[in-house]
Amino acid sequence: MKSLLTIIILMTFYPISNGAPEPMTGADLHRIIETVADESEGDANVIQFIVKDIPLICIYDETHNRMRIISPVIQFDDVTEAQKDAMLESNFHGALDARYATSNGTVYAAFIHPLSSLNDQEVISAIYQVMSLQQTFGTEYSSGLLTFGGDDASVSEEI
């Protein structure tokens, strides 16, 4: 019983986050992107960069703990109905953490996430997922190798 009481007291006063990684910051994003990008330039909360001839933009807000990495894909007016359906299907099955999204008449490949909880590997993965979505638009609509289900008519009929 005495050891249980000791454990409870230690857990109360000993920080559980001891040894936990530091929260991701804007400076960390700049550092990571500079290591991956062929070219990059940034200011305040926006980093524009190119990886393998693909233009990307990272926008972050430390105050609101949000970030996004985006890459323009196509003008929305040029998207066919079949492509719209394929993008929505991909967002459910073939896009992992990145998604297709639209804003101001443009379709983007986008990764949107809380900033502080990310680690270096997740940021690098996010960059490559966005690049993959941008490159596979019109064909595979995929952010990587992993997919969840797809084209199962019996599931669609049940819903």
N, C-alpha and C. Protein backbone atom coordinates (compact mmCIF):
# COMPACT_ATOMS: atom_id res chain seq x y z
N MET A 1 0.83 -1.19 0.00
CA MET A 1 0.00 0.00 0.00
C MET A 1 0.87 1.25 0.00
N LYS A 2 1.98 1.18 0.77
CA LYS A 2 2.87 2.33 0.84
C LYS A 2 3.48 2.62 -0.53
N SER A 3 3.85 1.56 -1.28
CA SER A 3 4.44 1.77 -2.61
C SER A 3 3.40 2.34 -3.58
N LEU A 4 2.14 1.94 -3.44
CA LEU A 4 1.08 2.49 -4.29
C LEU A 4 0.91 3.98 -4.02
N LEU A 5 0.95 4.36 -2.75
CA LEU A 5 0.84 5.77 -2.39
C LEU A 5 2.03 6.56 -2.93
N THR A 6 3.22 5.99 -2.88
CA THR A 6 4.41 6.64 -3.42
C THR A 6 4.27 6.86 -4.92
N ILE A 7 3.77 5.86 -5.63
CA ILE A 7 3.58 5.97 -7.08
C ILE A 7 2.58 7.08 -7.40
N ILE A 8 1.49 7.12 -6.66
CA ILE A 8 0.47 8.15 -6.89
C ILE A 8 1.05 9.54 -6.64
N ILE A 9 1.81 9.70 -5.58
CA ILE A 9 2.42 11.00 -5.28
C ILE A 9 3.41 11.38 -6.38
N LEU A 10 4.25 10.43 -6.80
CA LEU A 10 5.22 10.72 -7.86
C LEU A 10 4.53 11.10 -9.16
N MET A 11 3.47 10.39 -9.49
CA MET A 11 2.76 10.68 -10.74
C MET A 11 2.09 12.05 -10.69
N THR A 12 1.69 12.46 -9.50
CA THR A 12 1.04 13.75 -9.35
C THR A 12 2.02 14.90 -9.57
N PHE A 13 3.23 14.74 -9.07
CA PHE A 13 4.20 15.83 -9.13
C PHE A 13 5.25 15.68 -10.22
N TYR A 14 5.37 14.50 -10.80
CA TYR A 14 6.35 14.27 -11.86
C TYR A 14 5.69 14.52 -13.20
N PRO A 15 6.21 15.40 -14.00
CA PRO A 15 5.55 15.71 -15.28
C PRO A 15 5.53 14.50 -16.21
N ILE A 16 4.34 14.17 -16.66
CA ILE A 16 4.17 13.03 -17.55
C ILE A 16 4.86 13.29 -18.89
N SER A 17 4.94 14.52 -19.32
CA SER A 17 5.52 14.86 -20.61
C SER A 17 7.04 14.85 -20.59
N ASN A 18 7.65 14.46 -19.47
CA ASN A 18 9.10 14.42 -19.39
C ASN A 18 9.64 13.55 -20.52
N GLY A 19 10.52 14.11 -21.33
CA GLY A 19 11.08 13.37 -22.43
C GLY A 19 10.25 13.44 -23.70
N ALA A 20 9.12 14.09 -23.65
CA ALA A 20 8.27 14.22 -24.84
C ALA A 20 8.94 15.19 -25.81
N PRO A 21 8.73 14.97 -27.10
CA PRO A 21 9.34 15.87 -28.08
C PRO A 21 8.80 17.28 -27.95
N GLU A 22 9.63 18.22 -28.34
CA GLU A 22 9.22 19.63 -28.34
C GLU A 22 8.15 19.84 -29.40
N PRO A 23 7.22 20.75 -29.18
CA PRO A 23 6.19 21.04 -30.19
C PRO A 23 6.82 21.59 -31.47
N MET A 24 6.24 21.24 -32.60
CA MET A 24 6.68 21.75 -33.90
C MET A 24 6.41 23.25 -33.95
N THR A 25 7.34 23.99 -34.52
CA THR A 25 7.21 25.44 -34.65
C THR A 25 7.39 25.84 -36.12
N GLY A 26 7.13 27.10 -36.39
CA GLY A 26 7.37 27.62 -37.73
C GLY A 26 8.83 27.52 -38.12
N ALA A 27 9.72 27.77 -37.17
CA ALA A 27 11.16 27.65 -37.45
C ALA A 27 11.52 26.21 -37.82
N ASP A 28 10.88 25.25 -37.16
CA ASP A 28 11.10 23.84 -37.50
C ASP A 28 10.64 23.56 -38.93
N LEU A 29 9.47 24.08 -39.30
CA LEU A 29 8.97 23.88 -40.67
C LEU A 29 9.96 24.44 -41.69
N HIS A 30 10.48 25.64 -41.43
CA HIS A 30 11.47 26.23 -42.34
C HIS A 30 12.68 25.31 -42.47
N ARG A 31 13.18 24.81 -41.35
CA ARG A 31 14.36 23.94 -41.35
C ARG A 31 14.10 22.67 -42.15
N ILE A 32 12.96 22.02 -41.91
CA ILE A 32 12.63 20.76 -42.60
C ILE A 32 12.47 21.00 -44.09
N ILE A 33 11.74 22.03 -44.44
CA ILE A 33 11.48 22.32 -45.86
C ILE A 33 12.78 22.64 -46.58
N GLU A 34 13.68 23.38 -45.95
CA GLU A 34 14.96 23.71 -46.57
C GLU A 34 15.78 22.46 -46.86
N THR A 35 15.63 21.41 -46.05
CA THR A 35 16.39 20.19 -46.29
C THR A 35 15.80 19.36 -47.43
N VAL A 36 14.51 19.49 -47.68
CA VAL A 36 13.82 18.69 -48.70
C VAL A 36 13.72 19.42 -50.03
N ALA A 37 13.57 20.72 -49.99
CA ALA A 37 13.25 21.51 -51.19
C ALA A 37 14.47 21.74 -52.08
N ASP A 38 14.19 21.81 -53.38
CA ASP A 38 15.21 22.22 -54.34
C ASP A 38 15.40 23.73 -54.26
N GLU A 39 14.31 24.44 -54.03
CA GLU A 39 14.32 25.90 -53.84
C GLU A 39 13.29 26.23 -52.76
N SER A 40 13.57 27.26 -51.98
CA SER A 40 12.56 27.71 -51.01
C SER A 40 12.79 29.17 -50.67
N GLU A 41 11.70 29.84 -50.39
CA GLU A 41 11.76 31.21 -49.87
C GLU A 41 10.56 31.39 -48.96
N GLY A 42 10.78 32.10 -47.89
CA GLY A 42 9.68 32.27 -46.96
C GLY A 42 9.80 33.54 -46.16
N ASP A 43 8.68 33.92 -45.61
CA ASP A 43 8.63 35.04 -44.70
C ASP A 43 7.48 34.78 -43.74
N ALA A 44 7.45 35.52 -42.70
CA ALA A 44 6.39 35.41 -41.69
C ALA A 44 5.83 33.99 -41.58
N ASN A 45 4.64 33.74 -42.11
CA ASN A 45 3.98 32.45 -41.94
C ASN A 45 3.79 31.68 -43.24
N VAL A 46 4.53 32.03 -44.28
CA VAL A 46 4.36 31.38 -45.58
C VAL A 46 5.73 30.97 -46.13
N ILE A 47 5.82 29.72 -46.56
CA ILE A 47 7.03 29.23 -47.21
C ILE A 47 6.63 28.70 -48.58
N GLN A 48 7.20 29.28 -49.62
CA GLN A 48 6.98 28.77 -50.98
C GLN A 48 8.21 27.95 -51.34
N PHE A 49 7.98 26.75 -51.89
CA PHE A 49 9.12 25.91 -52.21
C PHE A 49 8.81 24.99 -53.38
N ILE A 50 9.87 24.44 -53.95
CA ILE A 50 9.75 23.53 -55.09
C ILE A 50 10.51 22.26 -54.75
N VAL A 51 9.86 21.12 -54.99
CA VAL A 51 10.50 19.82 -54.86
C VAL A 51 10.23 19.06 -56.15
N LYS A 52 11.29 18.65 -56.83
CA LYS A 52 11.16 17.90 -58.09
C LYS A 52 10.20 18.59 -59.06
N ASP A 53 10.39 19.87 -59.25
CA ASP A 53 9.59 20.70 -60.17
C ASP A 53 8.13 20.87 -59.77
N ILE A 54 7.77 20.51 -58.55
CA ILE A 54 6.39 20.68 -58.07
C ILE A 54 6.35 21.87 -57.12
N PRO A 55 5.54 22.88 -57.43
CA PRO A 55 5.43 24.03 -56.54
C PRO A 55 4.56 23.70 -55.33
N LEU A 56 5.03 24.06 -54.15
CA LEU A 56 4.30 23.84 -52.91
C LEU A 56 4.34 25.11 -52.07
N ILE A 57 3.36 25.22 -51.20
CA ILE A 57 3.30 26.34 -50.26
C ILE A 57 2.96 25.78 -48.89
N CYS A 58 3.70 26.21 -47.89
CA CYS A 58 3.39 25.87 -46.50
C CYS A 58 2.94 27.15 -45.82
N ILE A 59 1.76 27.10 -45.23
CA ILE A 59 1.19 28.23 -44.51
C ILE A 59 0.97 27.77 -43.07
N TYR A 60 1.42 28.54 -42.11
CA TYR A 60 1.25 28.11 -40.72
C TYR A 60 0.90 29.29 -39.83
N ASP A 61 0.29 28.96 -38.70
CA ASP A 61 -0.11 29.95 -37.71
C ASP A 61 0.13 29.34 -36.33
N GLU A 62 1.22 29.73 -35.71
CA GLU A 62 1.56 29.17 -34.40
C GLU A 62 0.54 29.57 -33.34
N THR A 63 -0.02 30.76 -33.44
CA THR A 63 -1.00 31.21 -32.45
C THR A 63 -2.22 30.30 -32.43
N HIS A 64 -2.67 29.89 -33.60
CA HIS A 64 -3.85 29.03 -33.69
C HIS A 64 -3.50 27.56 -33.87
N ASN A 65 -2.20 27.23 -33.82
CA ASN A 65 -1.72 25.85 -33.88
C ASN A 65 -2.20 25.12 -35.13
N ARG A 66 -2.09 25.77 -36.28
CA ARG A 66 -2.53 25.15 -37.54
C ARG A 66 -1.45 25.31 -38.60
N MET A 67 -1.44 24.36 -39.52
CA MET A 67 -0.55 24.46 -40.66
C MET A 67 -1.19 23.76 -41.84
N ARG A 68 -0.74 24.11 -43.03
CA ARG A 68 -1.16 23.39 -44.23
C ARG A 68 -0.05 23.46 -45.26
N ILE A 69 0.05 22.39 -46.02
CA ILE A 69 0.94 22.34 -47.17
C ILE A 69 0.03 22.11 -48.36
N ILE A 70 0.16 22.96 -49.38
CA ILE A 70 -0.72 22.86 -50.54
C ILE A 70 0.10 22.91 -51.83
N SER A 71 -0.49 22.36 -52.88
CA SER A 71 0.09 22.45 -54.22
C SER A 71 -1.05 22.59 -55.21
N PRO A 72 -1.00 23.60 -56.08
CA PRO A 72 -2.08 23.76 -57.06
C PRO A 72 -2.09 22.60 -58.05
N VAL A 73 -3.30 22.14 -58.40
CA VAL A 73 -3.45 21.00 -59.30
C VAL A 73 -4.03 21.43 -60.65
N ILE A 74 -5.19 22.08 -60.62
CA ILE A 74 -5.91 22.43 -61.84
C ILE A 74 -6.94 23.50 -61.49
N GLN A 75 -7.34 24.28 -62.47
CA GLN A 75 -8.43 25.24 -62.26
C GLN A 75 -9.73 24.45 -62.12
N PHE A 76 -10.54 24.82 -61.15
CA PHE A 76 -11.76 24.07 -60.87
C PHE A 76 -12.70 24.04 -62.07
N ASP A 77 -12.76 25.10 -62.84
CA ASP A 77 -13.64 25.15 -64.02
C ASP A 77 -13.25 24.12 -65.07
N ASP A 78 -12.00 23.65 -65.03
CA ASP A 78 -11.51 22.67 -66.00
C ASP A 78 -11.72 21.23 -65.55
N VAL A 79 -12.24 21.03 -64.35
CA VAL A 79 -12.43 19.68 -63.80
C VAL A 79 -13.74 19.10 -64.33
N THR A 80 -13.67 17.87 -64.83
CA THR A 80 -14.88 17.20 -65.32
C THR A 80 -15.65 16.60 -64.15
N GLU A 81 -16.89 16.23 -64.40
CA GLU A 81 -17.70 15.57 -63.36
C GLU A 81 -17.03 14.27 -62.92
N ALA A 82 -16.49 13.51 -63.86
CA ALA A 82 -15.81 12.26 -63.53
C ALA A 82 -14.60 12.52 -62.64
N GLN A 83 -13.86 13.59 -62.90
CA GLN A 83 -12.71 13.93 -62.07
C GLN A 83 -13.16 14.37 -60.68
N LYS A 84 -14.26 15.10 -60.58
CA LYS A 84 -14.79 15.49 -59.27
C LYS A 84 -15.14 14.24 -58.46
N ASP A 85 -15.82 13.30 -59.12
CA ASP A 85 -16.17 12.05 -58.44
C ASP A 85 -14.91 11.30 -58.01
N ALA A 86 -13.91 11.26 -58.88
CA ALA A 86 -12.67 10.55 -58.56
C ALA A 86 -11.94 11.21 -57.39
N MET A 87 -11.96 12.55 -57.32
CA MET A 87 -11.33 13.23 -56.19
C MET A 87 -12.03 12.90 -54.88
N LEU A 88 -13.35 12.92 -54.89
CA LEU A 88 -14.10 12.59 -53.67
C LEU A 88 -13.85 11.14 -53.26
N GLU A 89 -13.84 10.24 -54.23
CA GLU A 89 -13.56 8.83 -53.95
C GLU A 89 -12.14 8.68 -53.38
N SER A 90 -11.20 9.40 -53.97
CA SER A 90 -9.83 9.36 -53.50
C SER A 90 -9.71 9.87 -52.07
N ASN A 91 -10.42 10.95 -51.75
CA ASN A 91 -10.37 11.48 -50.40
C ASN A 91 -10.81 10.45 -49.37
N PHE A 92 -11.61 9.49 -49.79
CA PHE A 92 -12.08 8.44 -48.88
C PHE A 92 -11.15 7.22 -48.90
N HIS A 93 -10.64 6.84 -50.09
CA HIS A 93 -9.89 5.60 -50.22
C HIS A 93 -8.39 5.77 -50.46
N GLY A 94 -8.00 6.65 -51.35
CA GLY A 94 -6.62 6.67 -51.83
C GLY A 94 -5.75 7.78 -51.29
N ALA A 95 -6.35 8.80 -50.73
CA ALA A 95 -5.57 9.88 -50.14
C ALA A 95 -5.44 9.58 -48.65
N LEU A 96 -4.23 9.59 -48.15
CA LEU A 96 -4.03 9.25 -46.74
C LEU A 96 -4.29 10.47 -45.87
N ASP A 97 -3.26 11.22 -45.56
CA ASP A 97 -3.42 12.40 -44.71
C ASP A 97 -3.61 13.67 -45.54
N ALA A 98 -3.28 13.61 -46.80
CA ALA A 98 -3.49 14.73 -47.71
C ALA A 98 -4.81 14.52 -48.45
N ARG A 99 -5.39 15.59 -48.93
CA ARG A 99 -6.70 15.53 -49.59
C ARG A 99 -6.74 16.51 -50.76
N TYR A 100 -7.71 16.27 -51.65
CA TYR A 100 -8.01 17.28 -52.66
C TYR A 100 -8.96 18.29 -52.04
N ALA A 101 -8.75 19.56 -52.37
CA ALA A 101 -9.60 20.63 -51.84
C ALA A 101 -9.67 21.75 -52.88
N THR A 102 -10.66 22.61 -52.74
CA THR A 102 -10.76 23.75 -53.66
C THR A 102 -10.79 25.05 -52.88
N SER A 103 -10.24 26.08 -53.50
CA SER A 103 -10.30 27.42 -52.94
C SER A 103 -10.08 28.42 -54.07
N ASN A 104 -10.93 29.43 -54.12
CA ASN A 104 -10.80 30.51 -55.09
C ASN A 104 -10.60 30.01 -56.52
N GLY A 105 -11.36 29.00 -56.90
CA GLY A 105 -11.34 28.52 -58.28
C GLY A 105 -10.20 27.59 -58.64
N THR A 106 -9.44 27.15 -57.66
CA THR A 106 -8.32 26.24 -57.91
C THR A 106 -8.50 24.97 -57.09
N VAL A 107 -8.17 23.83 -57.69
CA VAL A 107 -8.11 22.57 -56.95
C VAL A 107 -6.68 22.44 -56.43
N TYR A 108 -6.57 22.11 -55.16
CA TYR A 108 -5.27 21.92 -54.52
C TYR A 108 -5.15 20.50 -53.97
N ALA A 109 -3.94 20.00 -53.92
CA ALA A 109 -3.61 18.88 -53.05
C ALA A 109 -3.24 19.55 -51.73
N ALA A 110 -3.82 19.08 -50.63
CA ALA A 110 -3.64 19.79 -49.36
C ALA A 110 -3.47 18.85 -48.19
N PHE A 111 -2.54 19.20 -47.32
CA PHE A 111 -2.36 18.54 -46.03
C PHE A 111 -2.63 19.61 -44.99
N ILE A 112 -3.59 19.37 -44.10
CA ILE A 112 -3.99 20.35 -43.09
C ILE A 112 -3.94 19.66 -41.74
N HIS A 113 -3.26 20.28 -40.76
CA HIS A 113 -3.02 19.56 -39.50
C HIS A 113 -2.72 20.56 -38.38
N PRO A 114 -2.96 20.16 -37.13
CA PRO A 114 -2.43 20.96 -36.02
C PRO A 114 -0.90 21.00 -36.11
N LEU A 115 -0.32 22.14 -35.88
CA LEU A 115 1.12 22.32 -36.04
C LEU A 115 1.93 21.63 -34.95
N SER A 116 1.61 21.88 -33.71
CA SER A 116 2.50 21.50 -32.61
C SER A 116 2.69 20.00 -32.45
N SER A 117 1.73 19.20 -32.88
CA SER A 117 1.83 17.75 -32.66
C SER A 117 2.63 17.02 -33.73
N LEU A 118 3.03 17.72 -34.79
CA LEU A 118 3.79 17.08 -35.86
C LEU A 118 5.24 16.83 -35.46
N ASN A 119 5.85 15.82 -36.09
CA ASN A 119 7.29 15.64 -35.96
C ASN A 119 7.92 15.76 -37.34
N ASP A 120 9.22 15.74 -37.40
CA ASP A 120 9.92 15.95 -38.67
C ASP A 120 9.48 14.96 -39.75
N GLN A 121 9.40 13.68 -39.39
CA GLN A 121 9.04 12.65 -40.37
C GLN A 121 7.62 12.86 -40.90
N GLU A 122 6.71 13.31 -40.06
CA GLU A 122 5.34 13.56 -40.51
C GLU A 122 5.27 14.74 -41.48
N VAL A 123 6.08 15.75 -41.27
CA VAL A 123 6.11 16.89 -42.19
C VAL A 123 6.66 16.44 -43.54
N ILE A 124 7.73 15.66 -43.52
CA ILE A 124 8.29 15.15 -44.78
C ILE A 124 7.28 14.26 -45.49
N SER A 125 6.61 13.39 -44.75
CA SER A 125 5.57 12.55 -45.33
C SER A 125 4.46 13.40 -45.93
N ALA A 126 4.06 14.45 -45.24
CA ALA A 126 3.01 15.34 -45.73
C ALA A 126 3.41 15.96 -47.06
N ILE A 127 4.65 16.41 -47.16
CA ILE A 127 5.14 17.01 -48.40
C ILE A 127 5.01 16.01 -49.54
N TYR A 128 5.46 14.79 -49.32
CA TYR A 128 5.43 13.79 -50.39
C TYR A 128 4.02 13.31 -50.71
N GLN A 129 3.14 13.29 -49.72
CA GLN A 129 1.74 12.94 -50.00
C GLN A 129 1.08 14.01 -50.87
N VAL A 130 1.33 15.27 -50.57
CA VAL A 130 0.78 16.36 -51.38
C VAL A 130 1.34 16.29 -52.79
N MET A 131 2.63 16.04 -52.91
CA MET A 131 3.25 15.91 -54.23
C MET A 131 2.62 14.76 -55.01
N SER A 132 2.38 13.64 -54.35
CA SER A 132 1.80 12.48 -55.02
C SER A 132 0.39 12.78 -55.50
N LEU A 133 -0.42 13.41 -54.67
CA LEU A 133 -1.78 13.78 -55.09
C LEU A 133 -1.73 14.72 -56.29
N GLN A 134 -0.82 15.67 -56.25
CA GLN A 134 -0.71 16.62 -57.35
C GLN A 134 -0.31 15.90 -58.64
N GLN A 135 0.63 14.97 -58.55
CA GLN A 135 1.12 14.26 -59.73
C GLN A 135 0.15 13.22 -60.26
N THR A 136 -0.66 12.62 -59.40
CA THR A 136 -1.53 11.52 -59.84
C THR A 136 -2.95 11.97 -60.15
N PHE A 137 -3.20 13.28 -60.12
CA PHE A 137 -4.52 13.77 -60.51
C PHE A 137 -4.78 13.34 -61.95
N GLY A 138 -5.97 12.80 -62.20
CA GLY A 138 -6.33 12.35 -63.54
C GLY A 138 -5.97 10.90 -63.81
N THR A 139 -5.21 10.28 -62.91
CA THR A 139 -4.84 8.87 -63.10
C THR A 139 -5.21 8.07 -61.85
N GLU A 140 -4.30 8.01 -60.89
CA GLU A 140 -4.51 7.20 -59.69
C GLU A 140 -5.17 7.96 -58.54
N TYR A 141 -5.06 9.28 -58.53
CA TYR A 141 -5.61 10.10 -57.44
C TYR A 141 -5.14 9.56 -56.08
N SER A 142 -3.85 9.38 -55.92
CA SER A 142 -3.31 8.72 -54.74
C SER A 142 -2.25 9.57 -54.05
N SER A 143 -2.25 9.53 -52.72
CA SER A 143 -1.21 10.23 -51.97
C SER A 143 -0.07 9.30 -51.57
N GLY A 144 -0.14 8.06 -51.99
CA GLY A 144 0.93 7.12 -51.65
C GLY A 144 0.55 5.71 -52.00
N LEU A 145 1.25 4.77 -51.39
CA LEU A 145 1.06 3.36 -51.72
C LEU A 145 -0.16 2.73 -51.06
N LEU A 146 -0.55 3.23 -49.91
CA LEU A 146 -1.63 2.62 -49.14
C LEU A 146 -2.99 3.16 -49.57
N THR A 147 -3.96 2.26 -49.77
CA THR A 147 -5.34 2.67 -50.03
C THR A 147 -6.26 1.87 -49.13
N PHE A 148 -7.44 2.41 -48.91
CA PHE A 148 -8.45 1.75 -48.10
C PHE A 148 -9.64 1.43 -48.96
N GLY A 149 -9.82 0.15 -49.28
CA GLY A 149 -11.00 -0.29 -50.02
C GLY A 149 -11.07 0.29 -51.41
N GLY A 150 -12.28 0.62 -51.81
CA GLY A 150 -12.50 1.19 -53.12
C GLY A 150 -13.38 0.31 -53.97
N ASP A 151 -14.09 0.88 -54.92
CA ASP A 151 -14.92 0.20 -55.91
C ASP A 151 -15.63 -1.06 -55.43
N ASP A 152 -16.14 -1.07 -54.22
CA ASP A 152 -16.90 -2.21 -53.73
C ASP A 152 -18.38 -1.82 -53.80
N ALA A 153 -19.04 -2.26 -54.85
CA ALA A 153 -20.44 -1.88 -55.09
C ALA A 153 -21.36 -2.32 -53.96
N SER A 154 -21.04 -3.46 -53.33
CA SER A 154 -21.91 -3.94 -52.26
C SER A 154 -21.90 -2.99 -51.07
N VAL A 155 -20.75 -2.39 -50.79
CA VAL A 155 -20.68 -1.42 -49.70
C VAL A 155 -21.49 -0.19 -50.08
N SER A 156 -21.35 0.29 -51.31
CA SER A 156 -22.09 1.47 -51.75
C SER A 156 -23.59 1.25 -51.70
N GLU A 157 -24.02 0.04 -52.06
CA GLU A 157 -25.45 -0.25 -52.06
C GLU A 157 -26.01 -0.28 -50.64
N GLU A 158 -25.17 -0.69 -49.68
CA GLU A 158 -25.64 -0.76 -48.30
C GLU A 158 -25.80 0.62 -47.69
N ILE A 159 -25.02 1.58 -48.15
CA ILE A 159 -25.05 2.93 -47.56
C ILE A 159 -26.19 3.67 -48.05
